[in-house]
């Protein structure tokens, strides 16, 4: 989606992947489902070099449930560098 929010088109198991360029010593990205945290991903490194961090999660979602990411630590992600976030259906749990 263009608004950064994923909405499940049907019931099923979904895979989500995201990556970003970290600035400073630590970063924390939270994955939110319907306004509740489901995963918290942290990166903490010494020295405070910039690096790309990548995470993947699988979630069972019902139709119309939403997923989005929240940057919990301000200024921890380099802006102007691509930040990817995508999800896709792995297994359909719909009625056959």
PDB file of N, CA and C in Angstrom:
ATOM      1  N   UNK A   1       0.833  -1.185   0.000  1.00  0.00           N
ATOM      2  CA  UNK A   1       0.000   0.000   0.000  1.00  0.00           C
ATOM      3  C   UNK A   1       0.874   1.243   0.000  1.00  0.00           C
ATOM      4  N   UNK A   2       0.293   2.351  -0.337  1.00  0.00           N
ATOM      5  CA  UNK A   2       1.050   3.599  -0.366  1.00  0.00           C
ATOM      6  C   UNK A   2       1.036   4.334   0.960  1.00  0.00           C
ATOM      7  N   UNK A   3       0.173   3.931   1.897  1.00  0.00           N
ATOM      8  CA  UNK A   3       0.110   4.618   3.179  1.00  0.00           C
ATOM      9  C   UNK A   3       0.920   3.917   4.264  1.00  0.00           C
ATOM     10  N   UNK A   4       1.637   2.846   3.918  1.00  0.00           N
ATOM     11  CA  UNK A   4       2.461   2.138   4.885  1.00  0.00           C
ATOM     12  C   UNK A   4       1.702   1.142   5.729  1.00  0.00           C
ATOM     13  N   UNK A   5       0.431   0.947   5.448  1.00  0.00           N
ATOM     14  CA  UNK A   5      -0.376  -0.002   6.204  1.00  0.00           C
ATOM     15  C   UNK A   5      -0.773  -1.162   5.294  1.00  0.00           C
ATOM     16  N   UNK A   6      -0.639  -2.378   5.813  1.00  0.00           N
ATOM     17  CA  UNK A   6      -1.043  -3.573   5.082  1.00  0.00           C
ATOM     18  C   UNK A   6      -2.396  -4.013   5.623  1.00  0.00           C
ATOM     19  N   UNK A   7      -3.349  -4.275   4.743  1.00  0.00           N
ATOM     20  CA  UNK A   7      -4.666  -4.789   5.129  1.00  0.00           C
ATOM     21  C   UNK A   7      -4.849  -6.155   4.484  1.00  0.00           C
ATOM     22  N   UNK A   8      -5.128  -7.163   5.318  1.00  0.00           N
ATOM     23  CA  UNK A   8      -5.281  -8.527   4.800  1.00  0.00           C
ATOM     24  C   UNK A   8      -6.529  -8.620   3.921  1.00  0.00           C
ATOM     25  N   UNK A   9      -6.371  -9.064   2.670  1.00  0.00           N
ATOM     26  CA  UNK A   9      -7.528  -9.172   1.790  1.00  0.00           C
ATOM     27  C   UNK A   9      -8.422 -10.375   2.120  1.00  0.00           C
ATOM     28  N   UNK A  10      -7.864 -11.368   2.852  1.00  0.00           N
ATOM     29  CA  UNK A  10      -8.646 -12.545   3.256  1.00  0.00           C
ATOM     30  C   UNK A  10      -7.955 -13.240   4.428  1.00  0.00           C
ATOM     31  N   UNK A  11      -8.644 -14.158   5.072  1.00  0.00           N
ATOM     32  CA  UNK A  11      -8.068 -14.939   6.172  1.00  0.00           C
ATOM     33  C   UNK A  11      -6.894 -15.756   5.658  1.00  0.00           C
ATOM     34  N   UNK A  12      -5.817 -15.809   6.450  1.00  0.00           N
ATOM     35  CA  UNK A  12      -4.694 -16.641   6.028  1.00  0.00           C
ATOM     36  C   UNK A  12      -3.438 -16.373   6.830  1.00  0.00           C
ATOM     37  N   UNK A  13      -2.388 -17.082   6.447  1.00  0.00           N
ATOM     38  CA  UNK A  13      -1.061 -16.913   7.035  1.00  0.00           C
ATOM     39  C   UNK A  13      -0.257 -16.015   6.105  1.00  0.00           C
ATOM     40  N   UNK A  14       0.319 -14.943   6.662  1.00  0.00           N
ATOM     41  CA  UNK A  14       1.043 -13.951   5.868  1.00  0.00           C
ATOM     42  C   UNK A  14       2.493 -13.854   6.328  1.00  0.00           C
ATOM     43  N   UNK A  15       3.361 -13.605   5.376  1.00  0.00           N
ATOM     44  CA  UNK A  15       4.768 -13.327   5.669  1.00  0.00           C
ATOM     45  C   UNK A  15       4.985 -11.832   5.508  1.00  0.00           C
ATOM     46  N   UNK A  16       5.745 -11.249   6.445  1.00  0.00           N
ATOM     47  CA  UNK A  16       6.081  -9.828   6.389  1.00  0.00           C
ATOM     48  C   UNK A  16       7.582  -9.678   6.474  1.00  0.00           C
ATOM     49  N   UNK A  17       8.114  -8.779   5.669  1.00  0.00           N
ATOM     50  CA  UNK A  17       9.545  -8.501   5.643  1.00  0.00           C
ATOM     51  C   UNK A  17       9.728  -6.986   5.640  1.00  0.00           C
ATOM     52  N   UNK A  18      10.750  -6.524   6.365  1.00  0.00           N
ATOM     53  CA  UNK A  18      11.088  -5.110   6.286  1.00  0.00           C
ATOM     54  C   UNK A  18      12.566  -4.919   6.561  1.00  0.00           C
ATOM     55  N   UNK A  19      13.110  -3.878   5.982  1.00  0.00           N
ATOM     56  CA  UNK A  19      14.514  -3.530   6.199  1.00  0.00           C
ATOM     57  C   UNK A  19      14.644  -2.017   6.191  1.00  0.00           C
ATOM     58  N   UNK A  20      15.665  -1.544   6.914  1.00  0.00           N
ATOM     59  CA  UNK A  20      15.892  -0.105   7.043  1.00  0.00           C
ATOM     60  C   UNK A  20      17.366   0.128   7.356  1.00  0.00           C
ATOM     61  N   UNK A  21      17.810   1.366   7.180  1.00  0.00           N
ATOM     62  CA  UNK A  21      19.175   1.743   7.495  1.00  0.00           C
ATOM     63  C   UNK A  21      19.185   2.425   8.857  1.00  0.00           C
ATOM     64  N   UNK A  22      19.858   1.799   9.808  1.00  0.00           N
ATOM     65  CA  UNK A  22      19.921   2.290  11.187  1.00  0.00           C
ATOM     66  C   UNK A  22      20.933   3.415  11.302  1.00  0.00           C
ATOM     67  N   UNK A  23      20.609   4.412  12.123  1.00  0.00           N
ATOM     68  CA  UNK A  23      21.538   5.492  12.457  1.00  0.00           C
ATOM     69  C   UNK A  23      21.811   5.419  13.953  1.00  0.00           C
ATOM     70  N   UNK A  24      23.033   5.625  14.345  1.00  0.00           N
ATOM     71  CA  UNK A  24      23.352   5.613  15.771  1.00  0.00           C
ATOM     72  C   UNK A  24      23.463   4.213  16.330  1.00  0.00           C
ATOM     73  N   UNK A  25      23.450   4.128  17.648  1.00  0.00           N
ATOM     74  CA  UNK A  25      23.724   2.865  18.325  1.00  0.00           C
ATOM     75  C   UNK A  25      22.560   1.890  18.354  1.00  0.00           C
ATOM     76  N   UNK A  26      21.321   2.378  18.395  1.00  0.00           N
ATOM     77  CA  UNK A  26      20.203   1.445  18.497  1.00  0.00           C
ATOM     78  C   UNK A  26      18.990   1.928  17.726  1.00  0.00           C
ATOM     79  N   UNK A  27      18.153   0.965  17.383  1.00  0.00           N
ATOM     80  CA  UNK A  27      16.886   1.230  16.704  1.00  0.00           C
ATOM     81  C   UNK A  27      15.873   0.214  17.222  1.00  0.00           C
ATOM     82  N   UNK A  28      14.606   0.614  17.218  1.00  0.00           N
ATOM     83  CA  UNK A  28      13.544  -0.290  17.651  1.00  0.00           C
ATOM     84  C   UNK A  28      12.316  -0.043  16.788  1.00  0.00           C
ATOM     85  N   UNK A  29      11.928  -1.062  16.050  1.00  0.00           N
ATOM     86  CA  UNK A  29      10.750  -1.000  15.192  1.00  0.00           C
ATOM     87  C   UNK A  29       9.697  -1.941  15.772  1.00  0.00           C
ATOM     88  N   UNK A  30       8.489  -1.433  15.911  1.00  0.00           N
ATOM     89  CA  UNK A  30       7.396  -2.249  16.443  1.00  0.00           C
ATOM     90  C   UNK A  30       6.395  -2.545  15.328  1.00  0.00           C
ATOM     91  N   UNK A  31       6.010  -3.817  15.234  1.00  0.00           N
ATOM     92  CA  UNK A  31       4.977  -4.219  14.287  1.00  0.00           C
ATOM     93  C   UNK A  31       3.649  -4.207  15.035  1.00  0.00           C
ATOM     94  N   UNK A  32       2.691  -3.472  14.481  1.00  0.00           N
ATOM     95  CA  UNK A  32       1.398  -3.262  15.123  1.00  0.00           C
ATOM     96  C   UNK A  32       0.296  -3.946  14.306  1.00  0.00           C
ATOM     97  N   UNK A  33      -0.530  -4.754  14.995  1.00  0.00           N
ATOM     98  CA  UNK A  33      -1.705  -5.364  14.348  1.00  0.00           C
ATOM     99  C   UNK A  33      -2.940  -4.793  15.036  1.00  0.00           C
ATOM    100  N   UNK A  34      -3.786  -4.124  14.274  1.00  0.00           N
ATOM    101  CA  UNK A  34      -5.030  -3.568  14.822  1.00  0.00           C
ATOM    102  C   UNK A  34      -4.785  -2.780  16.106  1.00  0.00           C
ATOM    103  N   UNK A  35      -3.739  -1.962  16.135  1.00  0.00           N
ATOM    104  CA  UNK A  35      -3.411  -1.066  17.252  1.00  0.00           C
ATOM    105  C   UNK A  35      -2.789  -1.781  18.458  1.00  0.00           C
ATOM    106  N   UNK A  36      -2.338  -3.045  18.299  1.00  0.00           N
ATOM    107  CA  UNK A  36      -1.652  -3.765  19.380  1.00  0.00           C
ATOM    108  C   UNK A  36      -0.300  -4.260  18.879  1.00  0.00           C
ATOM    109  N   UNK A  37       0.723  -4.155  19.728  1.00  0.00           N
ATOM    110  CA  UNK A  37       2.052  -4.645  19.350  1.00  0.00           C
ATOM    111  C   UNK A  37       2.039  -6.163  19.211  1.00  0.00           C
ATOM    112  N   UNK A  38       2.626  -6.665  18.133  1.00  0.00           N
ATOM    113  CA  UNK A  38       2.775  -8.114  17.979  1.00  0.00           C
ATOM    114  C   UNK A  38       4.242  -8.524  17.955  1.00  0.00           C
ATOM    115  N   UNK A  39       5.120  -7.645  17.483  1.00  0.00           N
ATOM    116  CA  UNK A  39       6.564  -7.900  17.491  1.00  0.00           C
ATOM    117  C   UNK A  39       7.297  -6.599  17.790  1.00  0.00           C
ATOM    118  N   UNK A  40       8.405  -6.716  18.526  1.00  0.00           N
ATOM    119  CA  UNK A  40       9.310  -5.596  18.754  1.00  0.00           C
ATOM    120  C   UNK A  40      10.690  -6.050  18.305  1.00  0.00           C
ATOM    121  N   UNK A  41      11.244  -5.376  17.311  1.00  0.00           N
ATOM    122  CA  UNK A  41      12.557  -5.719  16.767  1.00  0.00           C
ATOM    123  C   UNK A  41      13.548  -4.644  17.146  1.00  0.00           C
ATOM    124  N   UNK A  42      14.637  -5.063  17.793  1.00  0.00           N
ATOM    125  CA  UNK A  42      15.662  -4.116  18.258  1.00  0.00           C
ATOM    126  C   UNK A  42      17.004  -4.428  17.604  1.00  0.00           C
ATOM    127  N   UNK A  43      17.741  -3.358  17.340  1.00  0.00           N
ATOM    128  CA  UNK A  43      19.121  -3.459  16.857  1.00  0.00           C
ATOM    129  C   UNK A  43      19.953  -2.590  17.778  1.00  0.00           C
ATOM    130  N   UNK A  44      20.961  -3.192  18.422  1.00  0.00           N
ATOM    131  CA  UNK A  44      21.888  -2.437  19.282  1.00  0.00           C
ATOM    132  C   UNK A  44      23.304  -2.888  18.947  1.00  0.00           C
ATOM    133  N   UNK A  45      24.125  -1.948  18.546  1.00  0.00           N
ATOM    134  CA  UNK A  45      25.487  -2.282  18.105  1.00  0.00           C
ATOM    135  C   UNK A  45      26.477  -1.268  18.651  1.00  0.00           C
ATOM    136  N   UNK A  46      27.706  -1.706  18.807  1.00  0.00           N
ATOM    137  CA  UNK A  46      28.841  -0.837  19.093  1.00  0.00           C
ATOM    138  C   UNK A  46      29.871  -1.097  18.012  1.00  0.00           C
ATOM    139  N   UNK A  47      30.548  -0.167  17.464  1.00  0.00           N
ATOM    140  CA  UNK A  47      30.334   1.274  17.591  1.00  0.00           C
ATOM    141  C   UNK A  47      29.063   1.691  16.847  1.00  0.00           C
ATOM    142  N   UNK A  48      28.670   2.943  16.995  1.00  0.00           N
ATOM    143  CA  UNK A  48      27.418   3.390  16.380  1.00  0.00           C
ATOM    144  C   UNK A  48      27.528   3.632  14.879  1.00  0.00           C
ATOM    145  N   UNK A  49      27.808   2.583  14.132  1.00  0.00           N
ATOM    146  CA  UNK A  49      27.895   2.697  12.677  1.00  0.00           C
ATOM    147  C   UNK A  49      26.512   2.548  12.064  1.00  0.00           C
ATOM    148  N   UNK A  50      26.380   3.048  10.876  1.00  0.00           N
ATOM    149  CA  UNK A  50      25.140   2.860  10.127  1.00  0.00           C
ATOM    150  C   UNK A  50      25.166   1.473   9.503  1.00  0.00           C
ATOM    151  N   UNK A  51      24.028   0.808   9.484  1.00  0.00           N
ATOM    152  CA  UNK A  51      23.934  -0.515   8.885  1.00  0.00           C
ATOM    153  C   UNK A  51      22.497  -0.776   8.474  1.00  0.00           C
ATOM    154  N   UNK A  52      22.327  -1.767   7.610  1.00  0.00           N
ATOM    155  CA  UNK A  52      20.993  -2.186   7.213  1.00  0.00           C
ATOM    156  C   UNK A  52      20.543  -3.314   8.126  1.00  0.00           C
ATOM    157  N   UNK A  53      19.339  -3.198   8.645  1.00  0.00           N
ATOM    158  CA  UNK A  53      18.743  -4.239   9.478  1.00  0.00           C
ATOM    159  C   UNK A  53      17.537  -4.798   8.740  1.00  0.00           C
ATOM    160  N   UNK A  54      17.364  -6.114   8.807  1.00  0.00           N
ATOM    161  CA  UNK A  54      16.269  -6.785   8.111  1.00  0.00           C
ATOM    162  C   UNK A  54      15.579  -7.753   9.066  1.00  0.00           C
ATOM    163  N   UNK A  55      14.250  -7.759   9.042  1.00  0.00           N
ATOM    164  CA  UNK A  55      13.467  -8.642   9.903  1.00  0.00           C
ATOM    165  C   UNK A  55      12.353  -9.298   9.092  1.00  0.00           C
ATOM    166  N   UNK A  56      11.944 -10.497   9.519  1.00  0.00           N
ATOM    167  CA  UNK A  56      10.832 -11.216   8.891  1.00  0.00           C
ATOM    168  C   UNK A  56       9.966 -11.836   9.979  1.00  0.00           C
ATOM    169  N   UNK A  57       8.649 -11.834   9.741  1.00  0.00           N
ATOM    170  CA  UNK A  57       7.702 -12.440  10.676  1.00  0.00           C
ATOM    171  C   UNK A  57       6.556 -13.060   9.894  1.00  0.00           C
ATOM    172  N   UNK A  58       5.983 -14.132  10.445  1.00  0.00           N
ATOM    173  CA  UNK A  58       4.775 -14.729   9.898  1.00  0.00           C
ATOM    174  C   UNK A  58       3.636 -14.507  10.885  1.00  0.00           C
ATOM    175  N   UNK A  59       2.474 -14.138  10.371  1.00  0.00           N
ATOM    176  CA  UNK A  59       1.303 -13.882  11.205  1.00  0.00           C
ATOM    177  C   UNK A  59       0.047 -14.443  10.556  1.00  0.00           C
ATOM    178  N   UNK A  60      -0.794 -15.038  11.382  1.00  0.00           N
ATOM    179  CA  UNK A  60      -2.118 -15.432  10.908  1.00  0.00           C
ATOM    180  C   UNK A  60      -3.038 -14.222  11.081  1.00  0.00           C
ATOM    181  N   UNK A  61      -3.672 -13.816   9.996  1.00  0.00           N
ATOM    182  CA  UNK A  61      -4.557 -12.649  10.016  1.00  0.00           C
ATOM    183  C   UNK A  61      -5.941 -13.015   9.512  1.00  0.00           C
ATOM    184  N   UNK A  62      -6.917 -12.330  10.045  1.00  0.00           N
ATOM    185  CA  UNK A  62      -8.271 -12.420   9.518  1.00  0.00           C
ATOM    186  C   UNK A  62      -8.456 -11.323   8.475  1.00  0.00           C
ATOM    187  N   UNK A  63      -9.421 -11.511   7.609  1.00  0.00           N
ATOM    188  CA  UNK A  63      -9.718 -10.522   6.569  1.00  0.00           C
ATOM    189  C   UNK A  63      -9.909  -9.145   7.208  1.00  0.00           C
ATOM    190  N   UNK A  64      -9.306  -8.134   6.605  1.00  0.00           N
ATOM    191  CA  UNK A  64      -9.387  -6.715   6.994  1.00  0.00           C
ATOM    192  C   UNK A  64      -8.579  -6.351   8.233  1.00  0.00           C
ATOM    193  N   UNK A  65      -7.828  -7.281   8.834  1.00  0.00           N
ATOM    194  CA  UNK A  65      -6.915  -6.878   9.899  1.00  0.00           C
ATOM    195  C   UNK A  65      -5.780  -6.077   9.275  1.00  0.00           C
ATOM    196  N   UNK A  66      -5.224  -5.141  10.042  1.00  0.00           N
ATOM    197  CA  UNK A  66      -4.182  -4.267   9.512  1.00  0.00           C
ATOM    198  C   UNK A  66      -2.858  -4.468  10.241  1.00  0.00           C
ATOM    199  N   UNK A  67      -1.791  -4.217   9.510  1.00  0.00           N
ATOM    200  CA  UNK A  67      -0.425  -4.278  10.031  1.00  0.00           C
ATOM    201  C   UNK A  67       0.281  -2.995   9.611  1.00  0.00           C
ATOM    202  N   UNK A  68       1.001  -2.383  10.551  1.00  0.00           N
ATOM    203  CA  UNK A  68       1.886  -1.279  10.191  1.00  0.00           C
ATOM    204  C   UNK A  68       3.078  -1.273  11.136  1.00  0.00           C
ATOM    205  N   UNK A  69       4.104  -0.507  10.789  1.00  0.00           N
ATOM    206  CA  UNK A  69       5.334  -0.423  11.568  1.00  0.00           C
ATOM    207  C   UNK A  69       5.420   0.931  12.250  1.00  0.00           C
ATOM    208  N   UNK A  70       6.031   0.938  13.437  1.00  0.00           N
ATOM    209  CA  UNK A  70       6.197   2.161  14.209  1.00  0.00           C
ATOM    210  C   UNK A  70       7.648   2.255  14.669  1.00  0.00           C
ATOM    211  N   UNK A  71       8.296   3.385  14.394  1.00  0.00           N
ATOM    212  CA  UNK A  71       9.668   3.632  14.829  1.00  0.00           C
ATOM    213  C   UNK A  71       9.626   4.169  16.258  1.00  0.00           C
ATOM    214  N   UNK A  72      10.023   3.357  17.224  1.00  0.00           N
ATOM    215  CA  UNK A  72       9.900   3.707  18.642  1.00  0.00           C
ATOM    216  C   UNK A  72      10.994   4.679  19.125  1.00  0.00           C
ATOM    217  N   UNK A  73      12.145   4.695  18.454  1.00  0.00           N
ATOM    218  CA  UNK A  73      13.261   5.557  18.866  1.00  0.00           C
ATOM    219  C   UNK A  73      13.456   6.642  17.805  1.00  0.00           C
ATOM    220  N   UNK A  74      13.082   7.880  18.107  1.00  0.00           N
ATOM    221  CA  UNK A  74      13.207   8.960  17.118  1.00  0.00           C
ATOM    222  C   UNK A  74      14.641   9.094  16.594  1.00  0.00           C
ATOM    223  N   UNK A  75      14.757   9.453  15.330  1.00  0.00           N
ATOM    224  CA  UNK A  75      16.049   9.688  14.662  1.00  0.00           C
ATOM    225  C   UNK A  75      16.943   8.458  14.624  1.00  0.00           C
ATOM    226  N   UNK A  76      16.364   7.256  14.672  1.00  0.00           N
ATOM    227  CA  UNK A  76      17.182   6.043  14.627  1.00  0.00           C
ATOM    228  C   UNK A  76      17.213   5.406  13.240  1.00  0.00           C
ATOM    229  N   UNK A  77      16.446   5.959  12.321  1.00  0.00           N
ATOM    230  CA  UNK A  77      16.392   5.433  10.955  1.00  0.00           C
ATOM    231  C   UNK A  77      16.812   6.531  10.003  1.00  0.00           C
ATOM    232  N   UNK A  78      17.715   6.185   9.091  1.00  0.00           N
ATOM    233  CA  UNK A  78      18.205   7.161   8.112  1.00  0.00           C
ATOM    234  C   UNK A  78      17.121   7.430   7.080  1.00  0.00           C
ATOM    235  N   UNK A  79      16.692   8.687   7.015  1.00  0.00           N
ATOM    236  CA  UNK A  79      15.706   9.085   6.018  1.00  0.00           C
ATOM    237  C   UNK A  79      16.406   9.328   4.685  1.00  0.00           C
ATOM    238  N   UNK A  80      15.703   9.136   3.614  1.00  0.00           N
ATOM    239  CA  UNK A  80      16.287   9.307   2.287  1.00  0.00           C
ATOM    240  C   UNK A  80      16.912   8.030   1.760  1.00  0.00           C
ATOM    241  N   UNK A  81      16.969   6.995   2.595  1.00  0.00           N
ATOM    242  CA  UNK A  81      17.465   5.680   2.194  1.00  0.00           C
ATOM    243  C   UNK A  81      16.243   4.772   2.138  1.00  0.00           C
ATOM    244  N   UNK A  82      16.115   3.939   1.112  1.00  0.00           N
ATOM    245  CA  UNK A  82      14.910   3.108   1.013  1.00  0.00           C
ATOM    246  C   UNK A  82      14.640   2.285   2.273  1.00  0.00           C
ATOM    247  N   UNK A  83      13.391   2.304   2.669  1.00  0.00           N
ATOM    248  CA  UNK A  83      12.874   1.507   3.777  1.00  0.00           C
ATOM    249  C   UNK A  83      11.837   0.593   3.142  1.00  0.00           C
ATOM    250  N   UNK A  84      12.078  -0.704   3.163  1.00  0.00           N
ATOM    251  CA  UNK A  84      11.132  -1.604   2.524  1.00  0.00           C
ATOM    252  C   UNK A  84      10.259  -2.298   3.562  1.00  0.00           C
ATOM    253  N   UNK A  85       8.995  -2.488   3.223  1.00  0.00           N
ATOM    254  CA  UNK A  85       8.033  -3.186   4.064  1.00  0.00           C
ATOM    255  C   UNK A  85       7.017  -3.829   3.142  1.00  0.00           C
ATOM    256  N   UNK A  86       6.922  -5.146   3.188  1.00  0.00           N
ATOM    257  CA  UNK A  86       5.930  -5.811   2.352  1.00  0.00           C
ATOM    258  C   UNK A  86       5.431  -7.076   3.031  1.00  0.00           C
ATOM    259  N   UNK A  87       4.224  -7.457   2.654  1.00  0.00           N
ATOM    260  CA  UNK A  87       3.613  -8.666   3.170  1.00  0.00           C
ATOM    261  C   UNK A  87       2.913  -9.400   2.039  1.00  0.00           C
ATOM    262  N   UNK A  88       2.805 -10.713   2.190  1.00  0.00           N
ATOM    263  CA  UNK A  88       2.126 -11.510   1.174  1.00  0.00           C
ATOM    264  C   UNK A  88       1.530 -12.764   1.807  1.00  0.00           C
ATOM    265  N   UNK A  89       0.530 -13.300   1.155  1.00  0.00           N
ATOM    266  CA  UNK A  89      -0.185 -14.477   1.619  1.00  0.00           C
ATOM    267  C   UNK A  89       0.659 -15.732   1.406  1.00  0.00           C
ATOM    268  N   UNK A  90       0.829 -16.530   2.455  1.00  0.00           N
ATOM    269  CA  UNK A  90       1.531 -17.817   2.349  1.00  0.00           C
ATOM    270  C   UNK A  90       0.523 -18.954   2.218  1.00  0.00           C
ATOM    271  N   UNK A  91      -0.528 -18.917   3.073  1.00  0.00           N
ATOM    272  CA  UNK A  91      -1.531 -19.972   3.055  1.00  0.00           C
ATOM    273  C   UNK A  91      -2.914 -19.363   3.244  1.00  0.00           C
ATOM    274  N   UNK A  92      -3.827 -19.696   2.347  1.00  0.00           N
ATOM    275  CA  UNK A  92      -5.183 -19.180   2.386  1.00  0.00           C
ATOM    276  C   UNK A  92      -6.034 -20.055   3.290  1.00  0.00           C
ATOM    277  N   UNK A  93      -6.707 -19.458   4.288  1.00  0.00           N
ATOM    278  CA  UNK A  93      -7.575 -20.205   5.197  1.00  0.00           C
ATOM    279  C   UNK A  93      -9.044 -19.997   4.867  1.00  0.00           C
ATOM    280  N   UNK A  94      -9.314 -19.483   3.685  1.00  0.00           N
ATOM    281  CA  UNK A  94     -10.692 -19.239   3.281  1.00  0.00           C
ATOM    282  C   UNK A  94     -11.456 -20.529   3.038  1.00  0.00           C
ATOM    283  N   UNK A  95     -12.762 -20.398   2.934  1.00  0.00           N
ATOM    284  CA  UNK A  95     -13.632 -21.555   2.681  1.00  0.00           C
ATOM    285  C   UNK A  95     -13.490 -21.957   1.224  1.00  0.00           C
ATOM    286  N   UNK A  96     -13.329 -23.250   0.993  1.00  0.00           N
ATOM    287  CA  UNK A  96     -13.188 -23.761  -0.387  1.00  0.00           C
ATOM    288  C   UNK A  96     -14.509 -24.221  -0.904  1.00  0.00           C
TER     289      UNK A  96
END
